[in-house]
Amino acid sequence: MTETLVLVGLVVAVFVGFNIGGSNTGVAFGPAVGSRTVSKFGAGVLMGIFALFGGWTVGRRVVTTLGSDLIIGDPFTVAASVVILLFIGLALFVSNLFGIPASTSMTAVGAVAGYGLATDRLAVQLIMEIVSWWLVAPILGFWLSAVVGRYVYDDIASVVAIDRSDGPLVILRRDGVVPVPALGAGTTPRELTGSLLVVAIGCFMAFSAGASNVANAVAPLVGNGSLSMNAGILLAGGAIAIGALTIARRTLETMGNELTELPLTAALVVATVSATLVTVLSLLGIPASFVVIATMSTVGLGWGRETTRERSYPVADPATLAGPTRSGIETVAAGRDSADTSLDVDEPATLYRPVTTARVIFMQNIVPAVATVGAYSVFSYVELAAVM
């Protein structure tokens, strides 16, 4: 019986990791694929490598928190681990199916917390610490992005914006004895710099995703001893890589073709702020929500850009507007590199939509709440906790 349950648990863990790879690859490498800097296959390979690296180095702390520290006393039973992983996997499946931007980490913590509440073994102090960070981190993301949007966004855009040329970015010159890398035909230093930065930030996001999300796939199994820490991380990393190379292609297509909704420079700012906060929290052993932090970072960036536009041109007298004076939008655009296709004058309105933001944040919290209540109900009324 136990061996069968362990096998089922491994299958569900792979399913969870598979979905994590499918959903997170598009977020991490959508800008790189959309700008034709890296192929979908290349994005999948990089996602697999750096997610495993993040899980192997930083993610161990999160696995320990989620797999053992949240529950006081004996570790999860095998049956309890399977049920918890099923809640996480089904939540991911539903969120992917309906396009709900749910947080895997919040859902995982919610399922474990529901189990702890039902068995009266929840580490209340630790769960309060985690929840407090869930409140603080999005606020930090908002204000960091707002400062960037207000004061330095245009400077960043002048460096990283990509006006993609045809042909390869880099070629090998074989004039001498040893081949030497050189810029491809039509490639500018600015284009190369921006392209390399896009890929580097995608790799950083993949690292961050692995650090935070490896635990969501295997923590219960590691906590009860069904898997060792190293084996669990390798299993989760492999499953994430499979998802990145298969179902992530659709996500990459969507993200790559919808960059007009989030300009390239804005996407990179949000990614950098969010991935940094998630990595720091993972180092502290806190399961962090990249989705929620990224949402608030996007809103903060849009708000910062909006205040910049308001500051750039005061409300003018109607008589003045009738003359040849340039409009406020033209004032904001003045001095901007015409090749900067990642920045447009309508961007603040695109990024900052209060009603839409409220709806998204509401939906981000529904799935974790359902997982918590569902796990609590199951473990309260079904004697799974005693099954071995």
Protein backbone atom coordinates (compact mmCIF):
# COMPACT_ATOMS: atom_id res chain seq x y z
CA MET A 1 0.00 0.00 0.00
CA THR A 2 2.74 2.42 1.00
CA GLU A 3 4.77 1.69 -2.15
CA THR A 4 1.72 2.36 -4.32
CA LEU A 5 1.02 5.66 -2.58
CA VAL A 6 4.65 6.71 -2.98
CA LEU A 7 4.47 5.93 -6.69
CA VAL A 8 1.27 7.96 -7.00
CA GLY A 9 2.96 10.78 -5.10
CA LEU A 10 5.90 10.75 -7.51
CA VAL A 11 3.57 10.90 -10.50
CA VAL A 12 1.66 13.84 -9.00
CA ALA A 13 4.94 15.60 -8.14
CA VAL A 14 6.05 15.27 -11.76
CA PHE A 15 2.67 16.62 -12.87
CA VAL A 16 3.08 19.66 -10.60
CA GLY A 17 6.65 20.32 -11.80
CA PHE A 18 5.54 19.85 -15.42
CA ASN A 19 2.88 22.56 -15.01
CA ILE A 20 5.33 24.86 -13.23
CA GLY A 21 7.72 24.59 -16.16
CA GLY A 22 4.92 25.21 -18.62
CA SER A 23 3.64 28.35 -16.93
CA ASN A 24 6.87 29.94 -15.71
CA THR A 25 8.87 29.58 -18.93
CA GLY A 26 6.61 31.99 -20.78
CA VAL A 27 6.93 34.56 -18.01
CA ALA A 28 10.73 34.23 -17.87
CA PHE A 29 11.58 34.05 -21.57
CA GLY A 30 8.58 35.61 -23.32
CA PRO A 31 10.48 38.88 -23.98
CA ALA A 32 13.52 37.01 -25.32
CA VAL A 33 11.42 34.83 -27.64
CA GLY A 34 9.23 37.75 -28.71
CA SER A 35 12.28 39.77 -29.72
CA ARG A 36 13.70 36.75 -31.60
CA THR A 37 16.77 36.78 -29.36
CA VAL A 38 16.34 33.11 -28.42
CA SER A 39 14.28 30.26 -29.88
CA LYS A 40 11.50 28.44 -28.03
CA PHE A 41 13.70 25.38 -27.75
CA GLY A 42 16.56 27.49 -26.43
CA ALA A 43 14.23 29.09 -23.90
CA GLY A 44 13.14 25.65 -22.70
CA VAL A 45 16.72 24.47 -22.30
CA LEU A 46 17.75 27.60 -20.40
CA MET A 47 14.65 27.35 -18.20
CA GLY A 48 15.46 23.75 -17.28
CA ILE A 49 19.11 24.49 -16.49
CA PHE A 50 18.60 27.62 -14.39
CA ALA A 51 15.46 26.38 -12.59
CA LEU A 52 17.41 23.31 -11.46
CA PHE A 53 20.32 25.54 -10.45
CA GLY A 54 18.00 27.73 -8.38
CA GLY A 55 16.36 24.75 -6.73
CA TRP A 56 19.69 23.04 -6.01
CA THR A 57 21.30 26.11 -4.40
CA VAL A 58 18.59 28.29 -2.85
CA GLY A 59 15.47 26.14 -3.06
CA ARG A 60 16.55 23.73 -0.33
CA ARG A 61 15.54 26.24 2.33
CA VAL A 62 12.03 26.52 0.89
CA VAL A 63 11.72 22.71 0.66
CA THR A 64 12.58 22.47 4.36
CA THR A 65 10.07 25.17 5.30
CA LEU A 66 7.23 23.67 3.29
CA GLY A 67 8.09 20.03 3.88
CA SER A 68 8.70 19.98 7.63
CA ASP A 69 8.84 23.34 9.44
CA LEU A 70 5.19 24.27 8.83
CA ILE A 71 3.96 21.10 10.55
CA ILE A 72 4.78 20.46 14.20
CA GLY A 73 5.65 16.91 15.26
CA ASP A 74 5.68 13.92 12.93
CA PRO A 75 6.16 14.53 9.21
CA PHE A 76 3.45 14.10 6.58
CA THR A 77 2.10 10.63 6.04
CA VAL A 78 2.44 9.36 2.48
CA ALA A 79 -1.31 9.63 1.93
CA ALA A 80 -1.37 13.20 3.23
CA SER A 81 1.52 14.10 0.91
CA VAL A 82 -0.36 12.74 -2.10
CA VAL A 83 -3.53 14.67 -1.24
CA ILE A 84 -1.60 17.92 -0.71
CA LEU A 85 0.23 17.52 -4.02
CA LEU A 86 -3.08 16.76 -5.74
CA PHE A 87 -4.51 20.05 -4.46
CA ILE A 88 -1.47 21.91 -5.77
CA GLY A 89 -1.54 20.11 -9.13
CA LEU A 90 -5.27 20.59 -9.67
CA ALA A 91 -5.03 24.27 -8.72
CA LEU A 92 -2.28 24.74 -11.31
CA PHE A 93 -4.31 22.85 -13.89
CA VAL A 94 -7.41 24.96 -13.27
CA SER A 95 -5.44 28.21 -13.31
CA ASN A 96 -3.78 27.26 -16.60
CA LEU A 97 -7.09 26.12 -18.08
CA PHE A 98 -8.98 29.31 -17.25
CA GLY A 99 -6.07 31.74 -17.45
CA ILE A 100 -6.26 32.62 -13.76
CA PRO A 101 -2.92 34.05 -12.56
CA ALA A 102 -2.78 31.90 -9.43
CA SER A 103 0.25 31.66 -7.15
CA THR A 104 1.75 28.18 -6.93
CA SER A 105 3.59 29.00 -3.69
CA MET A 106 0.53 30.46 -1.99
CA THR A 107 -1.52 27.47 -3.10
CA ALA A 108 1.09 25.04 -1.76
CA VAL A 109 1.35 26.83 1.59
CA GLY A 110 -2.45 26.97 1.76
CA ALA A 111 -2.79 23.23 1.23
CA VAL A 112 -0.16 22.47 3.87
CA ALA A 113 -1.73 24.98 6.26
CA GLY A 114 -5.14 23.32 5.77
CA TYR A 115 -3.60 19.99 6.73
CA GLY A 116 -1.91 21.55 9.77
CA LEU A 117 -5.11 23.19 10.94
CA ALA A 118 -7.12 20.00 10.55
CA THR A 119 -4.58 17.97 12.54
CA ASP A 120 -3.90 20.78 15.04
CA ARG A 121 -0.18 20.74 14.18
CA LEU A 122 0.25 23.99 12.26
CA ALA A 123 3.29 26.12 13.18
CA VAL A 124 1.27 29.29 13.69
CA GLN A 125 4.23 31.61 14.27
CA LEU A 126 5.91 30.51 11.04
CA ILE A 127 2.73 30.80 8.97
CA MET A 128 2.21 34.32 10.32
CA GLU A 129 5.78 35.21 9.31
CA ILE A 130 5.18 33.86 5.80
CA VAL A 131 1.88 35.74 5.45
CA SER A 132 3.50 38.96 6.67
CA TRP A 133 6.14 38.64 3.94
CA TRP A 134 3.36 38.02 1.43
CA LEU A 135 1.99 41.44 2.39
CA VAL A 136 5.32 43.27 2.54
CA ALA A 137 6.96 41.89 -0.64
CA PRO A 138 4.29 43.12 -3.11
CA ILE A 139 4.40 46.57 -1.48
CA LEU A 140 8.19 46.61 -1.89
CA GLY A 141 7.78 45.51 -5.50
CA PHE A 142 5.28 48.30 -6.12
CA TRP A 143 7.47 51.07 -4.72
CA LEU A 144 10.74 49.85 -6.22
CA SER A 145 9.12 49.69 -9.66
CA ALA A 146 7.40 53.04 -9.12
CA VAL A 147 10.76 54.71 -8.38
CA VAL A 148 12.27 53.13 -11.49
CA GLY A 149 9.30 54.19 -13.61
CA ARG A 150 9.38 57.77 -12.35
CA TYR A 151 13.10 58.49 -12.43
CA VAL A 152 15.19 56.09 -14.53
CA TYR A 153 12.89 54.24 -16.92
CA ASP A 154 13.79 56.31 -19.97
CA ASP A 155 17.50 55.85 -19.31
CA ILE A 156 17.04 52.08 -19.13
CA ALA A 157 14.94 52.10 -22.30
CA SER A 158 17.70 53.89 -24.19
CA VAL A 159 20.04 50.97 -23.44
CA VAL A 160 17.91 47.83 -23.65
CA ALA A 161 15.36 48.62 -26.36
CA ILE A 162 15.81 46.32 -29.35
CA ASP A 163 15.25 47.33 -32.95
CA ARG A 164 15.93 43.79 -34.19
CA SER A 165 18.00 43.45 -37.34
CA ASP A 166 17.82 40.53 -39.74
CA GLY A 167 20.34 37.73 -39.51
CA PRO A 168 22.43 36.47 -36.58
CA LEU A 169 23.48 38.77 -33.76
CA VAL A 170 27.00 37.39 -33.65
CA ILE A 171 29.14 35.63 -36.27
CA LEU A 172 32.55 34.00 -36.19
CA ARG A 173 35.19 35.71 -38.29
CA ARG A 174 37.69 33.24 -39.67
CA ASP A 175 40.19 35.72 -41.04
CA GLY A 176 42.97 34.51 -38.79
CA VAL A 177 44.11 31.22 -37.35
CA VAL A 178 41.59 31.34 -34.50
CA PRO A 179 37.92 32.23 -35.19
CA VAL A 180 36.95 35.51 -33.53
CA PRO A 181 33.37 36.47 -32.60
CA ALA A 182 32.08 39.65 -34.25
CA LEU A 183 28.79 41.51 -34.67
CA GLY A 184 26.53 40.15 -37.39
CA ALA A 185 25.61 42.17 -40.46
CA GLY A 186 23.40 45.05 -39.34
CA THR A 187 23.82 44.31 -35.63
CA THR A 188 24.53 47.39 -33.52
CA PRO A 189 26.28 47.34 -30.13
CA ARG A 190 23.03 48.64 -28.59
CA GLU A 191 21.08 45.75 -30.07
CA LEU A 192 23.61 43.21 -28.81
CA THR A 193 23.62 44.75 -25.32
CA GLY A 194 19.84 44.72 -25.14
CA SER A 195 19.60 41.16 -26.45
CA LEU A 196 22.14 39.82 -23.96
CA LEU A 197 20.37 41.62 -21.13
CA VAL A 198 17.00 40.16 -22.13
CA VAL A 199 18.42 36.62 -22.05
CA ALA A 200 20.34 37.22 -18.80
CA ILE A 201 17.23 38.47 -17.01
CA GLY A 202 15.26 35.48 -18.36
CA CYS A 203 17.88 33.17 -16.85
CA PHE A 204 17.68 35.07 -13.56
CA MET A 205 13.91 34.65 -13.55
CA ALA A 206 14.29 30.93 -14.25
CA PHE A 207 16.72 30.69 -11.32
CA SER A 208 14.21 32.53 -9.12
CA ALA A 209 11.38 30.24 -10.25
CA GLY A 210 13.41 27.15 -9.40
CA ALA A 211 14.43 28.54 -6.01
CA SER A 212 10.83 29.20 -5.04
CA ASN A 213 8.81 26.55 -6.88
CA VAL A 214 10.84 23.33 -6.65
CA ALA A 215 9.46 22.96 -3.13
CA ASN A 216 5.88 23.12 -4.41
CA ALA A 217 6.39 19.91 -6.36
CA VAL A 218 8.27 17.72 -3.86
CA ALA A 219 8.33 19.25 -0.36
CA PRO A 220 5.73 16.89 1.18
CA LEU A 221 7.55 13.82 -0.19
CA VAL A 222 10.89 15.11 1.05
CA GLY A 223 9.33 15.96 4.41
CA ASN A 224 8.09 12.41 5.02
CA GLY A 225 11.31 10.77 3.80
CA SER A 226 9.91 9.26 0.61
CA LEU A 227 12.54 11.25 -1.27
CA SER A 228 15.90 12.62 -0.21
CA MET A 229 16.47 16.34 -0.64
CA ASN A 230 18.78 15.85 -3.64
CA ALA A 231 16.50 13.32 -5.32
CA GLY A 232 13.48 15.56 -4.81
CA ILE A 233 15.18 18.60 -6.32
CA LEU A 234 16.39 16.55 -9.30
CA LEU A 235 12.90 15.15 -9.84
CA ALA A 236 11.26 18.57 -9.68
CA GLY A 237 13.95 20.15 -11.85
CA GLY A 238 13.56 17.44 -14.47
CA ALA A 239 9.78 17.81 -14.51
CA ILE A 240 10.08 21.60 -14.86
CA ALA A 241 12.48 21.11 -17.79
CA ILE A 242 10.03 18.74 -19.54
CA GLY A 243 7.23 21.26 -19.13
CA ALA A 244 9.50 24.04 -20.39
CA LEU A 245 10.34 22.07 -23.54
CA THR A 246 6.77 20.97 -24.30
CA ILE A 247 3.66 22.81 -23.09
CA ALA A 248 5.60 26.04 -22.53
CA ARG A 249 5.72 26.56 -26.30
CA ARG A 250 2.13 27.79 -26.25
CA THR A 251 2.84 30.09 -23.32
CA LEU A 252 5.93 31.43 -25.07
CA GLU A 253 3.89 32.07 -28.20
CA THR A 254 1.32 34.00 -26.20
CA MET A 255 3.85 36.02 -24.22
CA GLY A 256 6.04 36.66 -27.23
CA ASN A 257 3.18 37.96 -29.36
CA GLU A 258 1.58 40.09 -26.64
CA LEU A 259 4.57 42.25 -25.78
CA THR A 260 2.60 45.30 -26.90
CA GLU A 261 0.60 44.89 -23.70
CA LEU A 262 3.78 45.14 -21.64
CA PRO A 263 6.60 46.90 -23.51
CA LEU A 264 9.99 45.20 -23.50
CA THR A 265 11.64 47.64 -21.11
CA ALA A 266 8.70 47.44 -18.71
CA ALA A 267 8.79 43.63 -18.81
CA LEU A 268 12.48 43.63 -17.94
CA VAL A 269 12.04 46.07 -15.04
CA VAL A 270 9.18 44.03 -13.58
CA ALA A 271 11.11 40.79 -14.06
CA THR A 272 14.24 42.10 -12.36
CA VAL A 273 12.41 43.55 -9.35
CA SER A 274 10.20 40.48 -8.91
CA ALA A 275 12.94 37.89 -9.38
CA THR A 276 15.21 39.72 -6.93
CA LEU A 277 12.55 39.82 -4.22
CA VAL A 278 11.59 36.17 -4.77
CA THR A 279 15.24 35.06 -4.61
CA VAL A 280 15.86 36.99 -1.39
CA LEU A 281 12.75 35.50 0.22
CA SER A 282 13.78 32.02 -0.93
CA LEU A 283 17.15 32.53 0.77
CA LEU A 284 15.17 33.22 3.95
CA GLY A 285 13.16 30.02 3.42
CA ILE A 286 9.94 31.91 2.64
CA PRO A 287 7.75 30.44 -0.15
CA ALA A 288 7.20 33.55 -2.27
CA SER A 289 4.60 34.38 -4.91
CA PHE A 290 6.24 35.64 -8.10
CA VAL A 291 2.81 36.20 -9.67
CA VAL A 292 1.57 38.56 -6.96
CA ILE A 293 4.86 40.45 -6.68
CA ALA A 294 5.07 40.83 -10.47
CA THR A 295 1.49 42.11 -10.62
CA MET A 296 2.15 44.81 -8.03
CA SER A 297 5.48 45.65 -9.67
CA THR A 298 3.66 46.18 -12.96
CA VAL A 299 1.13 48.46 -11.28
CA GLY A 300 3.91 50.37 -9.52
CA LEU A 301 5.82 50.84 -12.75
CA GLY A 302 2.70 52.08 -14.53
CA TRP A 303 1.90 54.47 -11.69
CA GLY A 304 5.47 55.77 -11.70
CA ARG A 305 5.34 56.34 -15.46
CA GLU A 306 1.98 58.09 -15.10
CA THR A 307 3.36 60.50 -12.49
CA THR A 308 6.31 61.18 -14.80
CA ARG A 309 3.94 62.16 -17.60
CA GLU A 310 1.97 64.41 -15.27
CA ARG A 311 5.18 66.02 -14.06
CA SER A 312 6.48 66.53 -17.58
CA TYR A 313 3.70 68.86 -18.66
CA PRO A 314 1.41 70.95 -16.43
CA VAL A 315 -2.15 71.63 -17.43
CA ALA A 316 -1.97 74.46 -19.91
CA ASP A 317 -4.34 77.31 -20.55
CA PRO A 318 -6.76 76.49 -23.43
CA ALA A 319 -5.58 79.56 -25.31
CA THR A 320 -2.03 78.24 -25.14
CA LEU A 321 -3.09 74.85 -26.48
CA ALA A 322 -4.53 76.57 -29.54
CA GLY A 323 -1.10 77.84 -30.53
CA PRO A 324 1.84 76.02 -32.04
CA THR A 325 3.20 74.85 -28.68
CA ARG A 326 3.92 71.13 -28.57
CA SER A 327 1.50 68.94 -26.68
CA GLY A 328 2.35 67.18 -23.43
CA ILE A 329 2.75 63.86 -25.21
CA GLU A 330 5.20 65.42 -27.62
CA THR A 331 7.10 66.87 -24.64
CA VAL A 332 7.45 63.44 -23.08
CA ALA A 333 8.59 62.01 -26.39
CA ALA A 334 11.17 64.73 -26.97
CA GLY A 335 14.72 63.50 -26.95
CA ARG A 336 13.68 59.85 -27.15
CA ASP A 337 15.54 57.61 -29.54
CA SER A 338 13.17 56.98 -32.43
CA ALA A 339 14.37 53.38 -32.57
CA ASP A 340 13.08 52.73 -29.03
CA THR A 341 10.15 50.56 -30.00
CA SER A 342 9.71 49.26 -26.46
CA LEU A 343 8.41 52.55 -25.15
CA ASP A 344 5.30 54.33 -26.31
CA VAL A 345 3.35 57.30 -25.04
CA ASP A 346 0.30 55.21 -24.17
CA GLU A 347 2.24 52.91 -21.90
CA PRO A 348 1.18 54.40 -18.52
CA ALA A 349 -2.48 53.92 -19.37
CA THR A 350 -1.76 50.36 -20.48
CA LEU A 351 0.09 49.41 -17.31
CA TYR A 352 -2.05 51.16 -14.74
CA ARG A 353 -5.67 49.96 -14.74
CA PRO A 354 -7.07 50.02 -11.19
CA VAL A 355 -10.24 48.02 -11.88
CA THR A 356 -8.42 45.31 -13.81
CA THR A 357 -5.70 45.19 -11.16
CA ALA A 358 -8.25 44.71 -8.39
CA ARG A 359 -9.86 41.85 -10.31
CA VAL A 360 -6.51 40.15 -10.96
CA ILE A 361 -5.42 40.40 -7.31
CA PHE A 362 -8.79 39.03 -6.23
CA MET A 363 -8.41 36.02 -8.52
CA GLN A 364 -4.83 35.46 -7.35
CA ASN A 365 -6.12 34.89 -3.83
CA ILE A 366 -9.14 32.74 -4.68
CA VAL A 367 -7.21 29.62 -5.72
CA PRO A 368 -4.97 29.52 -2.60
CA ALA A 369 -8.04 30.09 -0.42
CA VAL A 370 -9.85 27.21 -2.10
CA ALA A 371 -6.78 24.97 -1.60
CA THR A 372 -6.64 25.86 2.10
CA VAL A 373 -10.33 25.27 2.74
CA GLY A 374 -10.35 22.14 0.60
CA ALA A 375 -7.36 20.57 2.37
CA TYR A 376 -8.78 21.47 5.76
CA SER A 377 -12.12 19.87 4.88
CA VAL A 378 -10.56 16.69 3.53
CA PHE A 379 -8.24 16.16 6.49
CA SER A 380 -10.96 17.06 8.97
CA TYR A 381 -13.49 14.50 7.75
CA VAL A 382 -11.41 11.76 6.18
CA GLU A 383 -9.00 9.65 8.20
CA LEU A 384 -6.13 10.08 5.76
CA ALA A 385 -3.74 11.32 8.43
CA ALA A 386 -3.63 7.86 9.93
CA VAL A 387 -3.02 6.01 6.65
CA MET A 388 0.53 4.82 6.07
